[in-house]
N, C-alpha and C. Protein backbone atom coordinates (compact mmCIF):
# COMPACT_ATOMS: atom_id res chain seq x y z
N MET A 1 -6.52 61.03 -143.86
CA MET A 1 -7.87 60.62 -143.42
C MET A 1 -8.63 61.91 -142.73
N GLY A 2 -7.72 62.46 -142.00
CA GLY A 2 -8.46 63.62 -141.30
C GLY A 2 -8.88 64.79 -142.18
N ILE A 3 -8.11 64.86 -143.26
CA ILE A 3 -8.49 66.11 -144.08
C ILE A 3 -9.83 65.87 -144.99
N ARG A 4 -10.01 64.42 -145.11
CA ARG A 4 -11.14 64.02 -146.04
C ARG A 4 -12.53 64.17 -144.91
N ILE A 5 -12.38 63.89 -143.65
CA ILE A 5 -13.29 64.09 -142.72
C ILE A 5 -13.78 65.57 -142.61
N PHE A 6 -12.74 66.36 -142.53
CA PHE A 6 -13.04 67.67 -142.43
C PHE A 6 -13.81 68.42 -143.49
N LEU A 7 -13.41 67.87 -144.82
CA LEU A 7 -14.01 68.48 -146.06
C LEU A 7 -15.31 67.91 -146.03
N PHE A 8 -15.70 66.67 -145.63
CA PHE A 8 -16.96 66.05 -145.65
C PHE A 8 -18.04 66.96 -144.55
N ILE A 9 -17.68 67.10 -143.46
CA ILE A 9 -18.23 68.05 -142.45
C ILE A 9 -18.51 69.38 -143.08
N ALA A 10 -17.53 69.97 -143.63
CA ALA A 10 -17.72 71.32 -144.08
C ALA A 10 -18.89 71.59 -145.36
N MET A 11 -18.89 70.27 -145.96
CA MET A 11 -19.78 70.30 -147.23
C MET A 11 -21.27 70.10 -146.72
N VAL A 12 -21.32 69.33 -145.76
CA VAL A 12 -22.67 68.97 -144.92
C VAL A 12 -23.12 70.37 -144.49
N PHE A 13 -22.21 71.15 -143.66
CA PHE A 13 -22.72 72.49 -143.26
C PHE A 13 -23.02 73.28 -144.41
N ALA A 14 -22.24 73.28 -145.31
CA ALA A 14 -22.62 74.33 -146.61
C ALA A 14 -23.99 74.12 -147.18
N ALA A 15 -24.28 72.70 -147.26
CA ALA A 15 -25.54 72.25 -148.02
C ALA A 15 -26.63 72.54 -146.98
N HIS A 16 -26.46 72.48 -145.61
CA HIS A 16 -27.28 72.72 -144.82
C HIS A 16 -27.75 74.16 -144.56
N GLY A 17 -26.70 75.03 -144.53
CA GLY A 17 -26.84 76.43 -144.54
C GLY A 17 -27.70 76.98 -145.65
N SER A 18 -27.41 76.47 -146.89
CA SER A 18 -28.05 76.97 -148.08
C SER A 18 -29.63 76.58 -148.08
N ALA A 19 -29.88 75.28 -147.56
CA ALA A 19 -31.12 74.84 -147.62
C ALA A 19 -31.96 75.70 -146.75
N SER A 20 -31.40 76.15 -145.55
CA SER A 20 -32.24 77.01 -144.37
C SER A 20 -31.90 78.37 -144.39
N ALA A 21 -31.70 79.12 -145.62
CA ALA A 21 -31.36 80.43 -145.43
C ALA A 21 -32.90 81.14 -145.52
N VAL A 22 -32.84 82.10 -144.28
CA VAL A 22 -33.84 82.79 -143.75
C VAL A 22 -33.97 84.10 -144.37
N ALA A 23 -35.19 84.63 -144.81
CA ALA A 23 -35.42 85.88 -145.35
C ALA A 23 -36.12 86.60 -144.22
N ILE A 24 -35.83 87.78 -143.92
CA ILE A 24 -36.27 88.62 -142.73
C ILE A 24 -36.92 89.91 -143.25
N LEU A 25 -37.95 90.13 -142.84
CA LEU A 25 -38.82 91.27 -143.04
C LEU A 25 -38.57 92.22 -141.83
N ASP A 26 -37.64 93.14 -141.84
CA ASP A 26 -37.40 93.90 -140.74
C ASP A 26 -38.15 95.17 -140.72
N LEU A 27 -38.81 95.33 -139.67
CA LEU A 27 -39.83 96.49 -139.40
C LEU A 27 -39.59 97.38 -138.33
N THR A 28 -38.13 97.34 -138.04
CA THR A 28 -37.69 98.38 -137.18
C THR A 28 -37.12 99.50 -137.97
N GLY A 29 -37.55 100.95 -137.68
CA GLY A 29 -37.14 102.01 -138.23
C GLY A 29 -37.57 102.12 -139.52
N THR A 30 -38.63 101.34 -140.04
CA THR A 30 -39.14 101.53 -141.30
C THR A 30 -39.94 102.89 -141.37
N ALA A 31 -39.91 103.55 -142.48
CA ALA A 31 -40.39 104.97 -142.83
C ALA A 31 -41.83 104.77 -143.21
N CYS A 32 -42.77 104.10 -142.36
CA CYS A 32 -44.00 104.00 -142.81
C CYS A 32 -45.08 104.96 -142.07
N HIS A 33 -44.57 105.70 -141.17
CA HIS A 33 -45.43 106.74 -140.56
C HIS A 33 -46.10 107.75 -141.47
N ASN A 34 -47.43 108.22 -141.51
CA ASN A 34 -47.96 108.97 -142.26
C ASN A 34 -48.24 108.32 -143.55
N ASN A 35 -48.08 107.06 -143.85
CA ASN A 35 -48.06 106.34 -145.17
C ASN A 35 -49.37 105.37 -145.00
N ALA A 36 -50.09 105.49 -146.16
CA ALA A 36 -51.23 104.22 -146.19
C ALA A 36 -50.53 103.14 -147.08
N ALA A 37 -49.42 103.25 -147.49
CA ALA A 37 -48.75 102.14 -148.21
C ALA A 37 -47.36 102.06 -148.13
N CYS A 38 -46.75 101.11 -147.95
CA CYS A 38 -45.24 100.86 -147.61
C CYS A 38 -44.70 99.63 -148.25
N ASP A 39 -43.57 99.86 -148.76
CA ASP A 39 -42.74 98.85 -149.38
C ASP A 39 -41.38 98.53 -148.62
N VAL A 40 -41.17 97.33 -148.27
CA VAL A 40 -40.08 97.06 -147.33
C VAL A 40 -39.29 95.81 -148.06
N SER A 41 -37.80 96.05 -148.28
CA SER A 41 -37.27 94.98 -148.80
C SER A 41 -36.74 94.04 -147.67
N LEU A 42 -36.94 92.68 -148.11
CA LEU A 42 -36.55 91.58 -147.25
C LEU A 42 -34.82 91.56 -147.18
N THR A 43 -34.55 91.03 -146.05
CA THR A 43 -32.98 91.01 -146.02
C THR A 43 -32.59 89.42 -145.77
N GLY A 44 -31.39 89.12 -145.91
CA GLY A 44 -31.00 87.58 -145.67
C GLY A 44 -30.40 87.11 -146.84
N THR A 45 -29.97 85.90 -146.85
CA THR A 45 -29.24 85.14 -147.77
C THR A 45 -30.28 84.88 -148.97
N GLY A 46 -29.93 85.31 -150.24
CA GLY A 46 -30.78 85.07 -151.28
C GLY A 46 -32.06 85.93 -151.32
N SER A 47 -32.29 86.75 -150.51
CA SER A 47 -33.47 87.63 -150.49
C SER A 47 -33.67 89.05 -150.81
N ASN A 48 -32.35 89.51 -151.55
CA ASN A 48 -32.23 90.93 -151.63
C ASN A 48 -33.11 91.44 -152.53
N SER A 49 -33.71 90.74 -153.32
CA SER A 49 -34.77 91.03 -154.39
C SER A 49 -36.00 90.93 -154.00
N ILE A 50 -36.42 90.44 -152.82
CA ILE A 50 -37.76 89.97 -152.47
C ILE A 50 -38.30 91.44 -151.67
N THR A 51 -39.69 91.79 -152.16
CA THR A 51 -40.21 93.04 -151.57
C THR A 51 -41.69 92.82 -150.90
N ALA A 52 -41.75 93.14 -149.74
CA ALA A 52 -43.06 93.06 -149.27
C ALA A 52 -43.72 94.59 -149.42
N SER A 53 -45.13 94.53 -149.61
CA SER A 53 -45.82 95.68 -149.62
C SER A 53 -46.98 95.70 -148.78
N PHE A 54 -46.98 96.81 -147.77
CA PHE A 54 -48.10 96.93 -146.87
C PHE A 54 -49.03 97.77 -147.50
N SER A 55 -50.52 97.74 -147.18
CA SER A 55 -51.34 98.53 -147.65
C SER A 55 -52.61 98.53 -146.98
N ALA A 56 -53.62 99.36 -147.12
CA ALA A 56 -54.98 99.54 -146.70
C ALA A 56 -55.03 99.38 -144.92
N PRO A 57 -54.25 100.26 -144.22
CA PRO A 57 -54.30 100.08 -142.79
C PRO A 57 -55.60 100.58 -142.42
N ASP A 58 -56.14 99.90 -141.23
CA ASP A 58 -57.54 100.25 -140.76
C ASP A 58 -57.25 100.59 -139.43
N VAL A 59 -57.31 101.85 -139.08
CA VAL A 59 -57.25 102.56 -137.90
C VAL A 59 -58.72 102.97 -137.30
N MET A 60 -59.17 102.75 -136.12
CA MET A 60 -60.29 103.19 -135.57
C MET A 60 -60.40 104.72 -135.36
N PHE A 61 -59.38 105.07 -134.61
CA PHE A 61 -59.16 106.65 -134.18
C PHE A 61 -58.05 107.18 -134.83
N GLY A 62 -58.02 108.40 -135.43
CA GLY A 62 -56.92 108.93 -135.92
C GLY A 62 -56.66 108.76 -137.39
N THR A 63 -55.47 108.87 -137.87
CA THR A 63 -55.15 108.88 -139.22
C THR A 63 -54.97 107.44 -139.60
N ASN A 64 -55.50 107.10 -140.84
CA ASN A 64 -55.29 105.68 -141.24
C ASN A 64 -54.02 105.46 -141.98
N ASP A 65 -52.99 105.31 -141.08
CA ASP A 65 -51.80 105.15 -141.71
C ASP A 65 -50.85 104.18 -140.73
N PHE A 66 -49.53 103.82 -141.17
CA PHE A 66 -48.76 102.88 -140.48
C PHE A 66 -47.97 103.73 -139.55
N PHE A 67 -47.70 103.14 -138.42
CA PHE A 67 -46.44 103.70 -137.35
C PHE A 67 -45.46 102.68 -137.07
N GLY A 68 -44.30 103.25 -137.73
CA GLY A 68 -43.05 102.43 -137.43
C GLY A 68 -42.28 102.93 -136.53
N SER A 69 -41.53 102.31 -135.80
CA SER A 69 -40.35 102.74 -134.70
C SER A 69 -39.47 101.84 -134.53
N ASP A 70 -38.50 102.29 -133.67
CA ASP A 70 -37.42 101.45 -133.24
C ASP A 70 -37.62 99.97 -132.73
N ASN A 71 -38.90 100.09 -132.33
CA ASN A 71 -39.54 98.65 -131.57
C ASN A 71 -40.25 97.94 -132.71
N GLY A 72 -40.48 98.42 -134.02
CA GLY A 72 -41.16 97.66 -135.02
C GLY A 72 -42.37 98.48 -135.33
N LEU A 73 -43.30 97.89 -136.10
CA LEU A 73 -44.54 98.12 -136.55
C LEU A 73 -45.61 97.84 -135.22
N ILE A 74 -46.04 99.12 -134.99
CA ILE A 74 -47.13 99.00 -134.04
C ILE A 74 -48.28 98.75 -134.47
N PHE A 75 -49.10 97.58 -133.86
CA PHE A 75 -50.15 96.83 -134.31
C PHE A 75 -51.20 96.54 -133.33
N GLY A 76 -52.66 96.79 -133.56
CA GLY A 76 -53.47 96.14 -132.60
C GLY A 76 -54.32 97.02 -131.89
N SER A 77 -53.93 98.34 -131.56
CA SER A 77 -54.62 99.20 -130.84
C SER A 77 -55.62 100.08 -131.77
N PRO A 78 -56.58 100.42 -131.47
CA PRO A 78 -57.53 101.30 -132.02
C PRO A 78 -56.90 102.72 -132.53
N PHE A 79 -55.73 102.94 -131.98
CA PHE A 79 -54.88 104.25 -132.39
C PHE A 79 -53.99 104.00 -133.34
N PHE A 80 -53.62 102.68 -133.85
CA PHE A 80 -52.66 102.25 -134.53
C PHE A 80 -53.34 101.17 -135.68
N PRO A 81 -52.68 100.87 -136.54
CA PRO A 81 -53.55 99.66 -137.56
C PRO A 81 -53.93 98.48 -136.76
N ARG A 82 -55.12 98.25 -136.81
CA ARG A 82 -55.74 96.94 -136.44
C ARG A 82 -55.72 95.97 -137.39
N SER A 83 -55.65 96.26 -138.53
CA SER A 83 -55.56 95.31 -139.73
C SER A 83 -54.88 96.05 -140.97
N PHE A 84 -54.43 95.27 -141.88
CA PHE A 84 -53.68 95.78 -142.89
C PHE A 84 -53.44 94.47 -143.84
N ASP A 85 -53.29 95.00 -145.19
CA ASP A 85 -52.86 93.91 -146.27
C ASP A 85 -51.44 93.83 -146.41
N LEU A 86 -50.92 92.52 -146.84
CA LEU A 86 -49.63 92.53 -146.97
C LEU A 86 -49.33 91.56 -148.24
N SER A 87 -48.49 91.83 -149.18
CA SER A 87 -48.28 91.13 -150.15
C SER A 87 -46.61 90.95 -150.54
N PHE A 88 -46.32 89.93 -151.26
CA PHE A 88 -44.92 89.87 -151.52
C PHE A 88 -44.73 89.39 -153.09
N ASP A 89 -43.62 89.83 -153.61
CA ASP A 89 -43.43 89.51 -155.04
C ASP A 89 -42.66 88.19 -155.14
N SER A 90 -42.70 87.33 -154.22
CA SER A 90 -42.12 86.03 -154.49
C SER A 90 -42.63 85.05 -153.12
N THR A 91 -42.97 83.74 -153.72
CA THR A 91 -43.49 82.83 -152.93
C THR A 91 -42.68 82.62 -151.52
N LEU A 92 -43.38 82.76 -150.36
CA LEU A 92 -42.70 82.67 -149.04
C LEU A 92 -43.53 81.83 -147.95
N LEU A 93 -42.75 81.17 -147.15
CA LEU A 93 -43.29 80.24 -146.29
C LEU A 93 -43.07 81.00 -144.86
N TRP A 94 -43.91 81.59 -144.11
CA TRP A 94 -43.86 82.33 -142.92
C TRP A 94 -43.63 81.58 -141.72
N THR A 95 -42.59 81.45 -140.95
CA THR A 95 -42.19 80.60 -139.98
C THR A 95 -42.04 81.24 -138.61
N GLY A 96 -41.84 82.62 -138.50
CA GLY A 96 -42.06 83.11 -137.13
C GLY A 96 -41.58 84.44 -137.21
N GLY A 97 -40.82 84.88 -136.01
CA GLY A 97 -40.45 86.46 -136.09
C GLY A 97 -40.05 86.89 -134.66
N THR A 98 -40.10 88.27 -134.46
CA THR A 98 -39.68 88.60 -133.30
C THR A 98 -40.54 89.76 -132.82
N ILE A 99 -41.18 89.80 -131.49
CA ILE A 99 -41.95 90.77 -130.99
C ILE A 99 -41.21 91.66 -129.94
N GLY A 100 -41.26 92.92 -130.26
CA GLY A 100 -40.60 93.79 -129.21
C GLY A 100 -41.24 94.14 -127.95
N GLN A 101 -42.31 94.47 -128.16
CA GLN A 101 -43.22 94.63 -126.91
C GLN A 101 -44.77 94.17 -127.12
N SER A 102 -45.30 93.75 -126.13
CA SER A 102 -46.72 93.23 -126.18
C SER A 102 -47.60 93.75 -124.89
N PHE A 103 -48.76 94.16 -125.11
CA PHE A 103 -49.58 94.72 -123.97
C PHE A 103 -50.99 94.17 -124.36
N GLN A 104 -51.44 93.14 -123.43
CA GLN A 104 -52.84 92.64 -123.47
C GLN A 104 -53.28 92.38 -124.92
N PHE A 105 -52.31 91.75 -125.91
CA PHE A 105 -52.35 91.59 -127.15
C PHE A 105 -52.74 89.87 -127.40
N SER A 106 -53.82 89.52 -127.83
CA SER A 106 -54.22 88.06 -127.83
C SER A 106 -53.76 87.54 -129.23
N GLY A 107 -53.40 88.24 -130.30
CA GLY A 107 -53.02 87.65 -131.49
C GLY A 107 -53.64 88.39 -132.57
N PHE A 108 -53.46 87.58 -133.86
CA PHE A 108 -54.10 88.30 -135.07
C PHE A 108 -54.44 86.93 -135.83
N GLU A 109 -55.37 87.16 -136.88
CA GLU A 109 -55.71 86.29 -138.02
C GLU A 109 -54.94 86.67 -139.26
N VAL A 110 -54.76 85.76 -140.12
CA VAL A 110 -54.10 85.97 -141.38
C VAL A 110 -55.30 84.99 -142.44
N ALA A 111 -55.65 85.82 -143.32
CA ALA A 111 -56.42 85.32 -144.27
C ALA A 111 -56.06 85.57 -145.90
N GLY A 112 -56.01 84.63 -146.78
CA GLY A 112 -55.55 84.95 -148.09
C GLY A 112 -55.56 83.56 -148.80
N PRO A 113 -55.18 83.70 -150.21
CA PRO A 113 -55.06 82.68 -150.95
C PRO A 113 -54.17 81.51 -150.47
N GLY A 114 -54.70 80.24 -150.23
CA GLY A 114 -53.66 79.34 -149.81
C GLY A 114 -53.47 79.21 -148.30
N VAL A 115 -53.97 79.94 -147.58
CA VAL A 115 -53.97 79.83 -146.12
C VAL A 115 -54.99 79.38 -145.48
N THR A 116 -54.80 78.24 -144.84
CA THR A 116 -55.84 77.38 -144.33
C THR A 116 -56.03 77.60 -142.79
N GLN A 117 -54.96 77.83 -142.27
CA GLN A 117 -54.86 78.07 -140.73
C GLN A 117 -54.88 79.69 -140.66
N THR A 118 -56.00 80.20 -139.98
CA THR A 118 -56.03 81.70 -140.06
C THR A 118 -55.84 82.34 -138.64
N SER A 119 -55.94 81.53 -137.49
CA SER A 119 -55.73 81.93 -136.32
C SER A 119 -54.46 81.77 -135.74
N VAL A 120 -53.43 82.70 -135.63
CA VAL A 120 -52.09 82.57 -135.32
C VAL A 120 -51.70 83.46 -134.06
N LEU A 121 -50.55 83.36 -133.51
CA LEU A 121 -49.98 83.96 -132.41
C LEU A 121 -51.03 84.36 -131.27
N THR A 122 -51.76 83.35 -130.72
CA THR A 122 -52.56 83.55 -129.60
C THR A 122 -51.73 83.81 -128.43
N GLN A 123 -52.20 84.87 -127.61
CA GLN A 123 -51.13 85.30 -126.32
C GLN A 123 -49.80 85.28 -126.63
N PRO A 124 -49.43 86.02 -127.60
CA PRO A 124 -47.85 86.17 -127.89
C PRO A 124 -47.18 86.89 -126.59
N GLN A 125 -45.99 86.61 -126.52
CA GLN A 125 -45.15 87.31 -125.49
C GLN A 125 -44.12 87.97 -126.23
N ALA A 126 -43.35 89.03 -125.76
CA ALA A 126 -42.44 89.69 -126.32
C ALA A 126 -41.15 88.68 -126.56
N GLY A 127 -40.49 88.98 -127.49
CA GLY A 127 -39.30 87.85 -128.01
C GLY A 127 -39.49 87.14 -129.17
N THR A 128 -38.59 86.15 -129.58
CA THR A 128 -38.79 85.36 -130.58
C THR A 128 -39.96 84.28 -130.50
N PHE A 129 -40.57 84.13 -131.70
CA PHE A 129 -41.65 83.40 -131.87
C PHE A 129 -41.64 82.43 -133.05
N LEU A 130 -42.12 81.16 -132.79
CA LEU A 130 -42.15 80.23 -134.00
C LEU A 130 -43.71 79.81 -134.39
N LEU A 131 -44.18 79.96 -135.60
CA LEU A 131 -45.41 79.53 -135.54
C LEU A 131 -45.53 78.05 -135.54
N ASP A 132 -46.86 77.43 -134.84
CA ASP A 132 -47.05 76.06 -134.85
C ASP A 132 -47.32 75.25 -136.26
N THR A 133 -47.77 76.26 -137.08
CA THR A 133 -47.80 75.79 -138.49
C THR A 133 -47.54 76.92 -139.47
N ALA A 134 -46.55 76.76 -140.21
CA ALA A 134 -45.98 77.82 -141.07
C ALA A 134 -46.98 78.08 -142.00
N LEU A 135 -47.16 79.34 -142.62
CA LEU A 135 -48.10 79.56 -143.51
C LEU A 135 -47.47 80.11 -144.82
N THR A 136 -48.09 79.64 -145.92
CA THR A 136 -47.51 79.93 -147.27
C THR A 136 -48.09 81.26 -147.87
N PHE A 137 -47.49 81.92 -148.09
CA PHE A 137 -47.66 83.21 -148.92
C PHE A 137 -47.39 83.23 -150.45
N ARG A 138 -48.40 83.27 -151.24
CA ARG A 138 -48.18 83.07 -152.67
C ARG A 138 -47.61 84.61 -153.30
N ALA A 139 -46.86 84.47 -154.32
CA ALA A 139 -46.36 85.91 -154.97
C ALA A 139 -47.52 86.51 -155.49
N ASP A 140 -47.37 87.88 -155.45
CA ASP A 140 -48.49 88.70 -155.90
C ASP A 140 -49.73 88.47 -155.55
N GLN A 141 -50.00 87.87 -154.16
CA GLN A 141 -51.42 87.81 -153.73
C GLN A 141 -51.42 88.56 -152.44
N SER A 142 -52.64 89.09 -152.09
CA SER A 142 -52.76 89.95 -150.79
C SER A 142 -53.27 89.14 -149.75
N TYR A 143 -52.77 89.45 -148.66
CA TYR A 143 -53.11 88.64 -147.30
C TYR A 143 -53.44 89.72 -146.24
N ARG A 144 -54.51 89.41 -145.70
CA ARG A 144 -55.30 90.23 -144.71
C ARG A 144 -54.85 89.86 -143.13
N PHE A 145 -54.01 90.84 -142.59
CA PHE A 145 -53.75 90.63 -141.19
C PHE A 145 -54.71 91.43 -140.26
N GLU A 146 -55.51 90.74 -139.39
CA GLU A 146 -56.28 91.38 -138.51
C GLU A 146 -56.22 91.01 -137.07
N ALA A 147 -56.05 92.02 -136.19
CA ALA A 147 -55.98 91.80 -134.71
C ALA A 147 -56.97 91.14 -134.07
N ILE A 148 -56.58 90.24 -133.09
CA ILE A 148 -57.62 89.60 -132.20
C ILE A 148 -57.47 90.07 -130.75
N SER A 149 -58.15 91.20 -130.54
CA SER A 149 -57.89 91.66 -129.12
C SER A 149 -58.91 91.59 -128.06
N THR A 150 -58.46 91.23 -126.73
CA THR A 150 -59.42 91.26 -125.82
C THR A 150 -59.66 92.42 -125.09
N SER A 151 -58.74 93.71 -125.37
CA SER A 151 -58.99 94.89 -124.82
C SER A 151 -58.73 95.85 -125.80
N PRO A 152 -59.57 96.87 -125.61
CA PRO A 152 -59.52 98.19 -126.57
C PRO A 152 -57.93 98.93 -126.55
N ILE A 153 -57.15 98.62 -125.53
CA ILE A 153 -55.85 99.32 -125.37
C ILE A 153 -54.73 98.21 -125.61
N SER A 154 -55.15 97.14 -126.24
CA SER A 154 -54.01 96.06 -126.52
C SER A 154 -53.29 96.48 -127.79
N LEU A 155 -51.93 96.22 -127.75
CA LEU A 155 -51.13 96.36 -129.03
C LEU A 155 -49.98 95.61 -128.96
N VAL A 156 -49.08 95.58 -130.02
CA VAL A 156 -47.98 94.50 -130.21
C VAL A 156 -47.02 95.43 -131.01
N SER A 157 -45.80 95.34 -130.99
CA SER A 157 -44.74 95.94 -131.84
C SER A 157 -44.25 94.61 -132.43
N LEU A 158 -44.36 94.63 -133.81
CA LEU A 158 -43.86 93.41 -134.71
C LEU A 158 -42.34 93.92 -135.02
N ARG A 159 -41.50 93.35 -134.49
CA ARG A 159 -40.12 93.85 -134.97
C ARG A 159 -39.46 93.24 -136.24
N ASP A 160 -39.85 92.00 -136.46
CA ASP A 160 -39.51 91.39 -137.77
C ASP A 160 -40.26 90.12 -138.03
N LEU A 161 -40.33 89.73 -139.28
CA LEU A 161 -41.12 88.55 -139.69
C LEU A 161 -40.07 87.64 -140.36
N SER A 162 -40.11 86.36 -139.83
CA SER A 162 -38.96 85.37 -140.63
C SER A 162 -39.58 84.53 -141.75
N PHE A 163 -39.06 84.22 -143.04
CA PHE A 163 -39.77 83.52 -144.00
C PHE A 163 -38.42 82.56 -144.60
N LEU A 164 -39.14 81.57 -145.42
CA LEU A 164 -38.29 80.74 -146.02
C LEU A 164 -38.76 80.93 -147.61
N PRO A 165 -37.79 81.24 -148.56
CA PRO A 165 -38.12 81.43 -149.92
C PRO A 165 -38.33 79.86 -150.40
N ILE A 166 -39.53 79.47 -151.06
CA ILE A 166 -39.73 78.01 -151.19
C ILE A 166 -40.03 77.62 -152.55
N ALA A 167 -40.11 78.69 -153.61
CA ALA A 167 -40.64 78.52 -155.00
C ALA A 167 -40.30 79.54 -155.82
N GLN A 168 -40.47 79.54 -157.04
CA GLN A 168 -40.47 80.50 -158.07
C GLN A 168 -41.81 81.03 -158.39
N ALA A 169 -42.04 82.15 -158.60
CA ALA A 169 -43.19 82.86 -158.95
C ALA A 169 -44.43 82.13 -158.10
N ASN A 170 -45.38 81.72 -158.85
CA ASN A 170 -46.60 81.21 -158.15
C ASN A 170 -46.62 79.61 -158.21
N ASP A 171 -45.64 79.03 -158.78
CA ASP A 171 -45.61 77.47 -158.91
C ASP A 171 -45.11 77.00 -157.55
N LEU A 172 -45.92 76.31 -156.77
CA LEU A 172 -45.67 75.81 -155.27
C LEU A 172 -45.27 74.51 -155.47
N SER A 173 -45.18 74.00 -156.76
CA SER A 173 -44.76 72.54 -156.82
C SER A 173 -43.32 72.38 -157.23
N VAL A 174 -42.54 73.80 -157.44
CA VAL A 174 -41.22 73.74 -157.72
C VAL A 174 -40.41 74.13 -156.31
N ILE A 175 -39.73 73.25 -155.98
CA ILE A 175 -38.77 73.61 -154.83
C ILE A 175 -37.40 73.57 -154.98
N PRO A 176 -36.65 74.69 -154.93
CA PRO A 176 -35.38 74.72 -155.47
C PRO A 176 -34.36 73.78 -154.86
N VAL A 177 -33.53 73.17 -155.46
CA VAL A 177 -32.34 72.24 -154.94
C VAL A 177 -31.58 73.07 -154.16
N PRO A 178 -30.94 72.83 -152.92
CA PRO A 178 -30.06 73.60 -152.00
C PRO A 178 -28.86 73.69 -152.92
N ALA A 179 -28.28 75.01 -152.88
CA ALA A 179 -27.16 75.14 -153.54
C ALA A 179 -25.98 74.32 -153.41
N GLY A 180 -25.87 73.84 -152.05
CA GLY A 180 -24.80 73.14 -151.47
C GLY A 180 -24.84 71.51 -151.76
N LEU A 181 -26.08 71.26 -152.33
CA LEU A 181 -26.34 69.73 -152.57
C LEU A 181 -25.40 69.22 -153.65
N PRO A 182 -25.31 69.77 -154.89
CA PRO A 182 -24.32 69.25 -155.83
C PRO A 182 -22.84 69.06 -155.31
N LEU A 183 -22.52 70.14 -154.64
CA LEU A 183 -21.19 69.81 -154.09
C LEU A 183 -21.02 68.71 -152.83
N LEU A 184 -22.15 68.56 -152.25
CA LEU A 184 -22.07 67.37 -151.31
C LEU A 184 -22.16 66.08 -151.93
N VAL A 185 -22.78 66.01 -153.27
CA VAL A 185 -22.91 64.65 -153.76
C VAL A 185 -21.47 64.49 -154.50
N THR A 186 -20.90 65.36 -154.93
CA THR A 186 -19.72 65.25 -155.62
C THR A 186 -18.61 64.68 -154.69
N GLY A 187 -18.69 65.29 -153.50
CA GLY A 187 -17.56 65.13 -152.54
C GLY A 187 -17.79 63.48 -152.16
N LEU A 188 -19.13 63.09 -151.94
CA LEU A 188 -19.38 61.66 -151.53
C LEU A 188 -18.84 60.74 -152.64
N VAL A 189 -19.10 61.04 -153.91
CA VAL A 189 -18.50 60.33 -155.18
C VAL A 189 -17.05 60.10 -154.99
N PHE A 190 -16.60 61.56 -154.79
CA PHE A 190 -14.95 61.31 -154.60
C PHE A 190 -14.36 60.63 -153.54
N PHE A 191 -15.01 60.63 -152.36
CA PHE A 191 -14.51 59.75 -151.42
C PHE A 191 -14.72 58.33 -151.57
N GLY A 192 -15.73 57.95 -152.30
CA GLY A 192 -15.95 56.68 -152.81
C GLY A 192 -15.09 56.07 -153.72
N TRP A 193 -14.54 57.00 -154.63
CA TRP A 193 -13.40 56.67 -155.48
C TRP A 193 -12.20 56.43 -154.94
N LEU A 194 -11.95 57.35 -153.76
CA LEU A 194 -10.60 57.24 -153.14
C LEU A 194 -10.56 55.77 -152.34
N ALA A 195 -11.57 55.46 -151.74
CA ALA A 195 -11.79 54.28 -150.84
C ALA A 195 -11.43 52.99 -151.71
N ARG A 196 -12.31 53.05 -153.01
CA ARG A 196 -12.16 52.06 -153.85
C ARG A 196 -10.58 51.99 -154.37
N ARG A 197 -10.07 53.12 -154.72
CA ARG A 197 -8.63 53.02 -155.14
C ARG A 197 -7.71 52.34 -154.29
N ARG A 198 -7.97 52.75 -152.85
CA ARG A 198 -6.99 52.40 -151.95
C ARG A 198 -7.19 50.78 -151.73
N ARG A 199 -8.37 50.30 -151.74
CA ARG A 199 -8.60 48.85 -151.71
C ARG A 199 -7.77 48.04 -152.77
N THR A 200 -7.78 48.71 -154.11
CA THR A 200 -7.31 48.00 -155.18
C THR A 200 -5.92 48.17 -155.69
N THR A 201 -5.28 49.29 -154.81
CA THR A 201 -3.81 49.36 -154.84
C THR A 201 -2.89 48.28 -154.12
N PRO A 202 -1.88 47.75 -154.81
CA PRO A 202 -1.23 46.53 -154.30
C PRO A 202 -0.49 47.16 -152.96
N GLN A 203 -0.29 46.38 -152.04
CA GLN A 203 0.35 46.83 -151.05
C GLN A 203 2.05 46.68 -151.25
N ALA A 204 2.85 47.54 -150.71
CA ALA A 204 4.40 47.14 -151.18
C ALA A 204 4.86 46.26 -150.00
C-alpha cells in the first residue's frame, strides 16, 4: 500500500512539473553591446530550440545599440535603449522575470499582435516580478517594448524574462498535453484495477 501511494505522488509531481516548465530568456552577459540586433536562445525545459530576437533599439543619445552586462539588459535611460522590438520563433506566454537594478524607472509598455494590456511593470523594484496579466507573444511577430519614465535618468537592468510555451507555431487554439498526463492516467487505471482485484479475490 505504501509503495502505491509513493508511486501516485511521484506521478502527480511529474505531471505538474511537465505542465509548468518555464522558458527563461537570460539577459545577463549577452553579447549585445555595439549591436543593433541580437539573437538570444531561451533556456529551460523543452525550450532549447526557442530563440528571441532583439532589434531596432531607440537611443536618444549615443550609439543606437544594446548594452548587455552582468546585471542584464540596461534599458530606459536616454543613453541606453529606451525602446526595442522583440520577436520569438515560438508562441510564448510572458509571466514575469527578474530585475537586477532599478533607478527611478516607472515601467514600460508592450504593444504588438494579440497584446491587449499594454501598460506593464509600473514602479518595478529590483528582484523577481510577476505580471498581473500574462501577455501572449505569437510566433514570428514583432512586439515593441517602450520605456515609461518619470525621469530622464531613469533606467532598469532586465536580468531575465520568464515564459511558458503554450502552443505550436501561430495556432493559439492548440495547447499541448502535459507530458506526464498519460503516465498519471495509466497509474490511476492500474490502481483501480488492483483495488477491484483485491475485492474480488477470495479470502483464505
